[in-house]
Amino acid sequence: MALLRGVNVGPTTKVPMATLRELFAEAGATDVVTLLNSGNVVFSGDVDASALLARIREQTGVQTHLLVIGGADFRRIVEAFPFEGDESRLVIAFMPSVPAVELPDVAPELIALGEDAVYQSLPDGISNTRLTPAFWKQFPPETTARNLRTANKLLALLDPPAGH
């Protein structure tokens, strides 16, 4: 699975999902499926992330970051979510590894660090978070967030129903 950071969030970051599927297939991925219009790609096989990023930039003009996560690791990260609530207000920031950072007090929000993810409960919604952009600058550039609803939809794509 691959998660692209910051695609289709403004007029200068447009990456059509059909183009993204084609580029992944050209890079050697099989069974390529995208979810939503935000850079979620489920695929089989291996891809060269650096070469793929170069092709995305060449084809679309968009400079992005790409995080490739194995299916078992993605499942482990999602299933470790420590909070409950409205899945659209529960967020996972995926990254290669989580550095040691001090967590600010942003109550009523909740934050927890995992091995390769930061988990958040945002009762006032994502757009009203109390975390500043400076907090996120401590993390690797590939860091990209998905709400728990989207993460669970991606899990469902990893495990299609029997007979499909």
N, C-alpha and C. Protein backbone atom coordinates (compact mmCIF):
# COMPACT_ATOMS: atom_id res chain seq x y z
N MET A 1 0.84 -1.16 0.00
CA MET A 1 0.00 0.00 0.00
C MET A 1 0.89 1.24 0.00
N ALA A 2 0.39 2.29 -0.63
CA ALA A 2 1.13 3.54 -0.66
C ALA A 2 0.20 4.68 -0.29
N LEU A 3 0.74 5.62 0.47
CA LEU A 3 0.01 6.83 0.85
C LEU A 3 0.82 8.01 0.35
N LEU A 4 0.20 8.85 -0.47
CA LEU A 4 0.86 10.06 -0.94
C LEU A 4 0.43 11.22 -0.08
N ARG A 5 1.37 12.11 0.17
CA ARG A 5 1.10 13.25 1.04
C ARG A 5 0.68 14.47 0.22
N GLY A 6 -0.42 15.07 0.61
CA GLY A 6 -0.81 16.38 0.09
C GLY A 6 -1.25 16.43 -1.35
N VAL A 7 -1.76 15.33 -1.92
CA VAL A 7 -2.26 15.43 -3.29
C VAL A 7 -3.74 15.79 -3.27
N ASN A 8 -4.15 16.54 -4.28
CA ASN A 8 -5.53 16.96 -4.47
C ASN A 8 -6.09 17.77 -3.29
N VAL A 9 -5.22 18.57 -2.68
CA VAL A 9 -5.68 19.44 -1.59
C VAL A 9 -5.74 20.90 -2.02
N GLY A 10 -5.44 21.17 -3.26
CA GLY A 10 -5.49 22.53 -3.79
C GLY A 10 -5.26 22.50 -5.29
N PRO A 11 -5.38 23.63 -5.94
CA PRO A 11 -5.27 23.67 -7.41
C PRO A 11 -3.90 23.27 -7.95
N THR A 12 -2.86 23.37 -7.15
CA THR A 12 -1.52 23.04 -7.66
C THR A 12 -1.09 21.62 -7.30
N THR A 13 -1.98 20.84 -6.70
CA THR A 13 -1.61 19.48 -6.27
C THR A 13 -2.50 18.42 -6.91
N LYS A 14 -3.04 18.71 -8.07
CA LYS A 14 -3.97 17.79 -8.74
C LYS A 14 -3.24 16.58 -9.31
N VAL A 15 -3.65 15.40 -8.86
CA VAL A 15 -3.14 14.14 -9.39
C VAL A 15 -4.36 13.25 -9.64
N PRO A 16 -4.74 13.08 -10.91
CA PRO A 16 -5.89 12.21 -11.20
C PRO A 16 -5.58 10.78 -10.76
N MET A 17 -6.56 10.14 -10.14
CA MET A 17 -6.34 8.78 -9.65
C MET A 17 -6.10 7.80 -10.79
N ALA A 18 -6.71 8.03 -11.96
CA ALA A 18 -6.45 7.15 -13.11
C ALA A 18 -4.97 7.24 -13.51
N THR A 19 -4.42 8.44 -13.51
CA THR A 19 -3.00 8.62 -13.81
C THR A 19 -2.15 7.93 -12.76
N LEU A 20 -2.52 8.07 -11.51
CA LEU A 20 -1.77 7.44 -10.43
C LEU A 20 -1.77 5.91 -10.58
N ARG A 21 -2.93 5.34 -10.90
CA ARG A 21 -3.00 3.88 -11.11
C ARG A 21 -2.10 3.46 -12.27
N GLU A 22 -2.12 4.22 -13.35
CA GLU A 22 -1.28 3.91 -14.51
C GLU A 22 0.21 3.97 -14.15
N LEU A 23 0.60 4.99 -13.40
CA LEU A 23 2.01 5.14 -13.03
C LEU A 23 2.46 4.01 -12.11
N PHE A 24 1.60 3.58 -11.20
CA PHE A 24 1.95 2.44 -10.35
C PHE A 24 2.08 1.17 -11.18
N ALA A 25 1.17 0.97 -12.13
CA ALA A 25 1.25 -0.21 -13.00
C ALA A 25 2.53 -0.18 -13.82
N GLU A 26 2.88 0.98 -14.36
CA GLU A 26 4.12 1.12 -15.13
C GLU A 26 5.34 0.82 -14.26
N ALA A 27 5.23 1.09 -12.95
CA ALA A 27 6.34 0.87 -12.02
C ALA A 27 6.43 -0.59 -11.57
N GLY A 28 5.52 -1.43 -12.06
CA GLY A 28 5.58 -2.85 -11.74
C GLY A 28 4.54 -3.33 -10.74
N ALA A 29 3.70 -2.45 -10.25
CA ALA A 29 2.65 -2.86 -9.32
C ALA A 29 1.53 -3.56 -10.07
N THR A 30 0.88 -4.49 -9.40
CA THR A 30 -0.27 -5.17 -9.98
C THR A 30 -1.46 -4.98 -9.04
N ASP A 31 -2.64 -5.31 -9.54
CA ASP A 31 -3.87 -5.19 -8.75
C ASP A 31 -3.99 -3.80 -8.11
N VAL A 32 -3.71 -2.77 -8.88
CA VAL A 32 -3.68 -1.39 -8.37
C VAL A 32 -5.10 -0.84 -8.22
N VAL A 33 -5.41 -0.38 -7.01
CA VAL A 33 -6.71 0.23 -6.71
C VAL A 33 -6.44 1.51 -5.92
N THR A 34 -7.18 2.57 -6.25
CA THR A 34 -7.08 3.80 -5.46
C THR A 34 -8.38 3.97 -4.68
N LEU A 35 -8.28 4.69 -3.58
CA LEU A 35 -9.45 4.96 -2.75
C LEU A 35 -9.54 6.46 -2.55
N LEU A 36 -10.73 6.98 -2.79
CA LEU A 36 -10.99 8.41 -2.69
C LEU A 36 -10.08 9.15 -3.67
N ASN A 37 -9.95 10.42 -3.50
CA ASN A 37 -9.16 11.22 -4.44
C ASN A 37 -7.99 11.85 -3.70
N SER A 38 -7.41 11.07 -2.77
CA SER A 38 -6.40 11.68 -1.90
C SER A 38 -5.11 10.88 -1.79
N GLY A 39 -4.78 10.11 -2.81
CA GLY A 39 -3.48 9.45 -2.81
C GLY A 39 -3.38 8.20 -1.98
N ASN A 40 -4.45 7.41 -1.95
CA ASN A 40 -4.44 6.12 -1.27
C ASN A 40 -4.38 5.04 -2.34
N VAL A 41 -3.30 4.25 -2.35
CA VAL A 41 -3.11 3.25 -3.40
C VAL A 41 -2.84 1.90 -2.77
N VAL A 42 -3.70 0.94 -3.09
CA VAL A 42 -3.48 -0.44 -2.66
C VAL A 42 -3.01 -1.20 -3.88
N PHE A 43 -1.94 -1.98 -3.71
CA PHE A 43 -1.37 -2.70 -4.86
C PHE A 43 -0.62 -3.93 -4.38
N SER A 44 -0.29 -4.81 -5.32
CA SER A 44 0.56 -5.96 -5.05
C SER A 44 1.89 -5.71 -5.73
N GLY A 45 2.92 -6.37 -5.23
CA GLY A 45 4.25 -6.25 -5.84
C GLY A 45 5.08 -5.18 -5.17
N ASP A 46 6.21 -4.92 -5.78
CA ASP A 46 7.16 -3.93 -5.26
C ASP A 46 7.29 -2.79 -6.26
N VAL A 47 7.50 -1.59 -5.74
CA VAL A 47 7.76 -0.43 -6.59
C VAL A 47 8.96 0.32 -6.04
N ASP A 48 9.66 1.01 -6.93
CA ASP A 48 10.77 1.87 -6.54
C ASP A 48 10.16 3.24 -6.24
N ALA A 49 10.07 3.59 -4.96
CA ALA A 49 9.40 4.82 -4.55
C ALA A 49 10.03 6.06 -5.17
N SER A 50 11.36 6.11 -5.22
CA SER A 50 12.04 7.29 -5.78
C SER A 50 11.70 7.47 -7.25
N ALA A 51 11.76 6.38 -8.01
CA ALA A 51 11.45 6.45 -9.43
C ALA A 51 9.98 6.81 -9.64
N LEU A 52 9.12 6.26 -8.81
CA LEU A 52 7.70 6.55 -8.93
C LEU A 52 7.40 8.02 -8.63
N LEU A 53 8.03 8.57 -7.61
CA LEU A 53 7.85 9.99 -7.31
C LEU A 53 8.31 10.87 -8.46
N ALA A 54 9.42 10.48 -9.09
CA ALA A 54 9.92 11.25 -10.24
C ALA A 54 8.92 11.20 -11.39
N ARG A 55 8.31 10.03 -11.62
CA ARG A 55 7.32 9.90 -12.70
C ARG A 55 6.05 10.71 -12.38
N ILE A 56 5.63 10.70 -11.12
CA ILE A 56 4.45 11.48 -10.73
C ILE A 56 4.72 12.96 -11.00
N ARG A 57 5.89 13.43 -10.59
CA ARG A 57 6.25 14.84 -10.82
C ARG A 57 6.31 15.13 -12.32
N GLU A 58 6.90 14.24 -13.08
CA GLU A 58 7.04 14.43 -14.53
C GLU A 58 5.67 14.47 -15.22
N GLN A 59 4.76 13.59 -14.83
CA GLN A 59 3.45 13.48 -15.48
C GLN A 59 2.44 14.52 -15.01
N THR A 60 2.55 14.95 -13.74
CA THR A 60 1.50 15.82 -13.19
C THR A 60 2.02 17.18 -12.74
N GLY A 61 3.33 17.31 -12.59
CA GLY A 61 3.90 18.55 -12.07
C GLY A 61 3.83 18.66 -10.56
N VAL A 62 3.31 17.64 -9.89
CA VAL A 62 3.13 17.68 -8.44
C VAL A 62 4.33 17.04 -7.74
N GLN A 63 4.91 17.79 -6.83
CA GLN A 63 5.99 17.30 -5.97
C GLN A 63 5.33 16.80 -4.70
N THR A 64 5.44 15.52 -4.42
CA THR A 64 4.79 14.94 -3.26
C THR A 64 5.75 14.02 -2.52
N HIS A 65 5.28 13.44 -1.45
CA HIS A 65 6.03 12.42 -0.73
C HIS A 65 5.20 11.16 -0.75
N LEU A 66 5.88 10.03 -0.72
CA LEU A 66 5.23 8.73 -0.84
C LEU A 66 5.70 7.85 0.30
N LEU A 67 4.76 7.24 0.99
CA LEU A 67 5.07 6.30 2.05
C LEU A 67 4.49 4.96 1.65
N VAL A 68 5.36 3.96 1.49
CA VAL A 68 4.92 2.61 1.16
C VAL A 68 4.89 1.81 2.45
N ILE A 69 3.75 1.17 2.72
CA ILE A 69 3.55 0.40 3.94
C ILE A 69 3.04 -0.98 3.55
N GLY A 70 3.66 -2.03 4.03
CA GLY A 70 3.18 -3.38 3.79
C GLY A 70 1.81 -3.57 4.41
N GLY A 71 1.02 -4.47 3.83
CA GLY A 71 -0.33 -4.70 4.31
C GLY A 71 -0.40 -5.10 5.77
N ALA A 72 0.49 -6.01 6.21
CA ALA A 72 0.48 -6.45 7.61
C ALA A 72 0.83 -5.29 8.54
N ASP A 73 1.79 -4.46 8.14
CA ASP A 73 2.16 -3.31 8.97
C ASP A 73 1.02 -2.30 9.03
N PHE A 74 0.36 -2.06 7.89
CA PHE A 74 -0.76 -1.13 7.88
C PHE A 74 -1.85 -1.63 8.83
N ARG A 75 -2.16 -2.91 8.75
CA ARG A 75 -3.18 -3.50 9.63
C ARG A 75 -2.78 -3.32 11.10
N ARG A 76 -1.53 -3.60 11.43
CA ARG A 76 -1.05 -3.48 12.81
C ARG A 76 -1.21 -2.04 13.31
N ILE A 77 -0.84 -1.07 12.48
CA ILE A 77 -0.93 0.34 12.86
C ILE A 77 -2.39 0.74 13.11
N VAL A 78 -3.27 0.35 12.20
CA VAL A 78 -4.69 0.74 12.33
C VAL A 78 -5.32 0.04 13.54
N GLU A 79 -5.03 -1.24 13.71
CA GLU A 79 -5.65 -1.98 14.82
C GLU A 79 -5.13 -1.54 16.18
N ALA A 80 -4.01 -0.85 16.21
CA ALA A 80 -3.45 -0.35 17.48
C ALA A 80 -4.06 0.98 17.90
N PHE A 81 -5.02 1.50 17.14
CA PHE A 81 -5.58 2.81 17.46
C PHE A 81 -6.10 2.81 18.89
N PRO A 82 -5.61 3.74 19.73
CA PRO A 82 -5.91 3.68 21.16
C PRO A 82 -7.17 4.41 21.64
N PHE A 83 -7.84 5.14 20.75
CA PHE A 83 -8.97 5.95 21.18
C PHE A 83 -10.25 5.49 20.49
N GLU A 84 -11.39 5.89 21.06
CA GLU A 84 -12.68 5.58 20.46
C GLU A 84 -13.40 6.88 20.15
N GLY A 85 -14.37 6.78 19.23
CA GLY A 85 -15.16 7.96 18.90
C GLY A 85 -15.54 7.96 17.44
N ASP A 86 -15.95 9.11 16.95
CA ASP A 86 -16.33 9.32 15.56
C ASP A 86 -15.09 9.11 14.68
N GLU A 87 -15.15 8.10 13.81
CA GLU A 87 -13.98 7.76 12.99
C GLU A 87 -13.50 8.90 12.11
N SER A 88 -14.35 9.88 11.82
CA SER A 88 -13.91 11.01 11.00
C SER A 88 -13.09 12.00 11.83
N ARG A 89 -13.11 11.84 13.16
CA ARG A 89 -12.37 12.73 14.06
C ARG A 89 -11.23 12.00 14.78
N LEU A 90 -10.98 10.78 14.35
CA LEU A 90 -9.85 9.99 14.85
C LEU A 90 -8.86 9.89 13.71
N VAL A 91 -7.62 10.27 13.94
CA VAL A 91 -6.65 10.43 12.86
C VAL A 91 -5.37 9.66 13.16
N ILE A 92 -4.83 9.05 12.11
CA ILE A 92 -3.54 8.37 12.19
C ILE A 92 -2.58 9.10 11.27
N ALA A 93 -1.47 9.57 11.81
CA ALA A 93 -0.40 10.14 10.98
C ALA A 93 0.63 9.04 10.79
N PHE A 94 0.69 8.49 9.58
CA PHE A 94 1.60 7.40 9.24
C PHE A 94 2.97 7.97 8.91
N MET A 95 4.03 7.26 9.30
CA MET A 95 5.39 7.70 8.99
C MET A 95 6.33 6.51 9.07
N PRO A 96 7.55 6.63 8.54
CA PRO A 96 8.49 5.51 8.58
C PRO A 96 8.84 5.08 10.00
N SER A 97 9.05 6.04 10.88
CA SER A 97 9.29 5.77 12.30
C SER A 97 9.04 7.07 13.06
N VAL A 98 8.64 6.91 14.31
CA VAL A 98 8.30 8.08 15.13
C VAL A 98 9.50 8.47 15.97
N PRO A 99 9.99 9.69 15.80
CA PRO A 99 11.08 10.15 16.65
C PRO A 99 10.58 10.42 18.07
N ALA A 100 11.49 10.49 19.00
CA ALA A 100 11.12 10.85 20.37
C ALA A 100 10.74 12.33 20.39
N VAL A 101 9.52 12.61 20.73
CA VAL A 101 9.04 13.98 20.80
C VAL A 101 8.25 14.16 22.09
N GLU A 102 8.19 15.40 22.53
CA GLU A 102 7.38 15.73 23.69
C GLU A 102 5.98 16.08 23.20
N LEU A 103 4.99 15.46 23.81
CA LEU A 103 3.62 15.73 23.41
C LEU A 103 3.06 16.92 24.18
N PRO A 104 2.52 17.89 23.47
CA PRO A 104 1.94 19.05 24.14
C PRO A 104 0.58 18.70 24.75
N ASP A 105 0.18 19.47 25.73
CA ASP A 105 -1.15 19.33 26.30
C ASP A 105 -2.10 20.12 25.42
N VAL A 106 -2.95 19.42 24.70
CA VAL A 106 -3.90 20.07 23.80
C VAL A 106 -5.33 19.64 24.12
N ALA A 107 -5.58 19.33 25.39
CA ALA A 107 -6.92 18.88 25.81
C ALA A 107 -7.97 19.83 25.27
N PRO A 108 -9.08 19.31 24.81
CA PRO A 108 -9.59 17.95 24.98
C PRO A 108 -9.08 16.95 23.94
N GLU A 109 -8.18 17.37 23.07
CA GLU A 109 -7.61 16.43 22.11
C GLU A 109 -6.74 15.41 22.85
N LEU A 110 -6.62 14.24 22.25
CA LEU A 110 -5.75 13.20 22.79
C LEU A 110 -4.73 12.85 21.73
N ILE A 111 -3.48 12.60 22.16
CA ILE A 111 -2.40 12.23 21.24
C ILE A 111 -1.65 11.06 21.86
N ALA A 112 -1.30 10.09 21.03
CA ALA A 112 -0.47 8.97 21.48
C ALA A 112 0.53 8.65 20.39
N LEU A 113 1.73 8.26 20.80
CA LEU A 113 2.77 7.88 19.86
C LEU A 113 2.82 6.37 19.72
N GLY A 114 2.91 5.91 18.49
CA GLY A 114 3.15 4.51 18.20
C GLY A 114 4.55 4.38 17.63
N GLU A 115 4.90 3.20 17.19
CA GLU A 115 6.22 2.95 16.60
C GLU A 115 6.39 3.67 15.27
N ASP A 116 5.32 3.67 14.47
CA ASP A 116 5.38 4.30 13.14
C ASP A 116 4.10 5.07 12.82
N ALA A 117 3.51 5.62 13.88
CA ALA A 117 2.31 6.44 13.69
C ALA A 117 2.07 7.30 14.93
N VAL A 118 1.42 8.42 14.68
CA VAL A 118 0.92 9.27 15.76
C VAL A 118 -0.60 9.19 15.67
N TYR A 119 -1.22 8.90 16.80
CA TYR A 119 -2.67 8.74 16.86
C TYR A 119 -3.28 9.98 17.52
N GLN A 120 -4.39 10.44 16.96
CA GLN A 120 -5.05 11.63 17.51
C GLN A 120 -6.56 11.42 17.63
N SER A 121 -7.12 11.95 18.67
CA SER A 121 -8.56 12.09 18.81
C SER A 121 -8.82 13.59 18.79
N LEU A 122 -9.62 14.02 17.83
CA LEU A 122 -9.86 15.45 17.61
C LEU A 122 -11.35 15.74 17.77
N PRO A 123 -11.83 15.87 19.01
CA PRO A 123 -13.27 16.05 19.22
C PRO A 123 -13.86 17.29 18.55
N ASP A 124 -13.05 18.31 18.31
CA ASP A 124 -13.53 19.52 17.65
C ASP A 124 -13.30 19.49 16.14
N GLY A 125 -12.82 18.36 15.62
CA GLY A 125 -12.60 18.21 14.18
C GLY A 125 -11.17 18.52 13.77
N ILE A 126 -10.81 17.98 12.64
CA ILE A 126 -9.44 18.12 12.12
C ILE A 126 -9.08 19.58 11.88
N SER A 127 -10.00 20.34 11.32
CA SER A 127 -9.68 21.74 10.99
C SER A 127 -9.56 22.62 12.23
N ASN A 128 -9.98 22.12 13.37
CA ASN A 128 -9.90 22.91 14.60
C ASN A 128 -8.87 22.38 15.59
N THR A 129 -7.90 21.61 15.11
CA THR A 129 -6.91 21.03 16.01
C THR A 129 -6.11 22.12 16.72
N ARG A 130 -5.69 21.80 17.92
CA ARG A 130 -4.87 22.73 18.70
C ARG A 130 -3.37 22.52 18.43
N LEU A 131 -3.05 21.48 17.68
CA LEU A 131 -1.64 21.25 17.34
C LEU A 131 -1.20 22.24 16.27
N THR A 132 -0.06 22.84 16.46
CA THR A 132 0.44 23.82 15.50
C THR A 132 1.22 23.12 14.39
N PRO A 133 1.36 23.76 13.24
CA PRO A 133 2.20 23.18 12.17
C PRO A 133 3.63 22.91 12.65
N ALA A 134 4.12 23.71 13.59
CA ALA A 134 5.48 23.49 14.12
C ALA A 134 5.62 22.11 14.76
N PHE A 135 4.57 21.62 15.40
CA PHE A 135 4.62 20.28 16.00
C PHE A 135 4.93 19.23 14.94
N TRP A 136 4.29 19.34 13.77
CA TRP A 136 4.45 18.34 12.72
C TRP A 136 5.79 18.43 12.01
N LYS A 137 6.48 19.54 12.12
CA LYS A 137 7.80 19.68 11.49
C LYS A 137 8.85 18.77 12.13
N GLN A 138 8.55 18.18 13.27
CA GLN A 138 9.46 17.26 13.95
C GLN A 138 9.49 15.88 13.30
N PHE A 139 8.56 15.63 12.41
CA PHE A 139 8.38 14.30 11.85
C PHE A 139 8.92 14.22 10.43
N PRO A 140 9.17 12.99 9.94
CA PRO A 140 9.72 12.82 8.59
C PRO A 140 8.80 13.44 7.53
N PRO A 141 9.37 13.86 6.40
CA PRO A 141 8.57 14.52 5.36
C PRO A 141 7.51 13.62 4.73
N GLU A 142 7.69 12.30 4.83
CA GLU A 142 6.70 11.36 4.27
C GLU A 142 5.45 11.25 5.13
N THR A 143 5.48 11.83 6.32
CA THR A 143 4.35 11.73 7.25
C THR A 143 3.08 12.21 6.55
N THR A 144 2.05 11.38 6.63
CA THR A 144 0.78 11.72 6.02
C THR A 144 -0.35 11.14 6.86
N ALA A 145 -1.41 11.87 7.00
CA ALA A 145 -2.49 11.48 7.91
C ALA A 145 -3.73 11.03 7.15
N ARG A 146 -4.44 10.09 7.78
CA ARG A 146 -5.73 9.63 7.29
C ARG A 146 -6.65 9.48 8.50
N ASN A 147 -7.92 9.78 8.31
CA ASN A 147 -8.83 9.53 9.43
C ASN A 147 -9.10 8.03 9.50
N LEU A 148 -9.61 7.60 10.64
CA LEU A 148 -9.80 6.17 10.88
C LEU A 148 -10.83 5.58 9.91
N ARG A 149 -11.80 6.35 9.49
CA ARG A 149 -12.79 5.87 8.52
C ARG A 149 -12.09 5.47 7.22
N THR A 150 -11.21 6.32 6.72
CA THR A 150 -10.48 6.02 5.49
C THR A 150 -9.53 4.84 5.70
N ALA A 151 -8.84 4.81 6.84
CA ALA A 151 -7.93 3.70 7.12
C ALA A 151 -8.68 2.37 7.13
N ASN A 152 -9.88 2.35 7.69
CA ASN A 152 -10.65 1.11 7.71
C ASN A 152 -11.12 0.71 6.31
N LYS A 153 -11.43 1.70 5.47
CA LYS A 153 -11.79 1.40 4.07
C LYS A 153 -10.59 0.80 3.34
N LEU A 154 -9.39 1.31 3.64
CA LEU A 154 -8.18 0.74 3.03
C LEU A 154 -7.95 -0.68 3.51
N LEU A 155 -8.20 -0.94 4.78
CA LEU A 155 -8.10 -2.31 5.29
C LEU A 155 -9.04 -3.24 4.54
N ALA A 156 -10.25 -2.79 4.27
CA ALA A 156 -11.21 -3.61 3.54
C ALA A 156 -10.71 -3.93 2.13
N LEU A 157 -9.98 -2.99 1.51
CA LEU A 157 -9.41 -3.26 0.18
C LEU A 157 -8.28 -4.27 0.26
N LEU A 158 -7.58 -4.29 1.39
CA LEU A 158 -6.51 -5.28 1.56
C LEU A 158 -7.08 -6.69 1.69
N ASP A 159 -8.26 -6.79 2.25
CA ASP A 159 -8.91 -8.08 2.49
C ASP A 159 -10.26 -8.12 1.81
N PRO A 160 -10.29 -8.28 0.47
CA PRO A 160 -11.59 -8.30 -0.19
C PRO A 160 -12.41 -9.50 0.27
N PRO A 161 -13.75 -9.39 0.19
CA PRO A 161 -14.60 -10.50 0.61
C PRO A 161 -14.28 -11.78 -0.17
N ALA A 162 -14.49 -12.91 0.46
CA ALA A 162 -14.24 -14.20 -0.18
C ALA A 162 -15.05 -14.29 -1.47
N GLY A 163 -14.43 -14.86 -2.49
CA GLY A 163 -15.10 -15.03 -3.78
C GLY A 163 -14.90 -13.87 -4.73
N HIS A 164 -14.15 -12.85 -4.32
CA HIS A 164 -13.91 -11.68 -5.19
C HIS A 164 -12.47 -11.59 -5.58
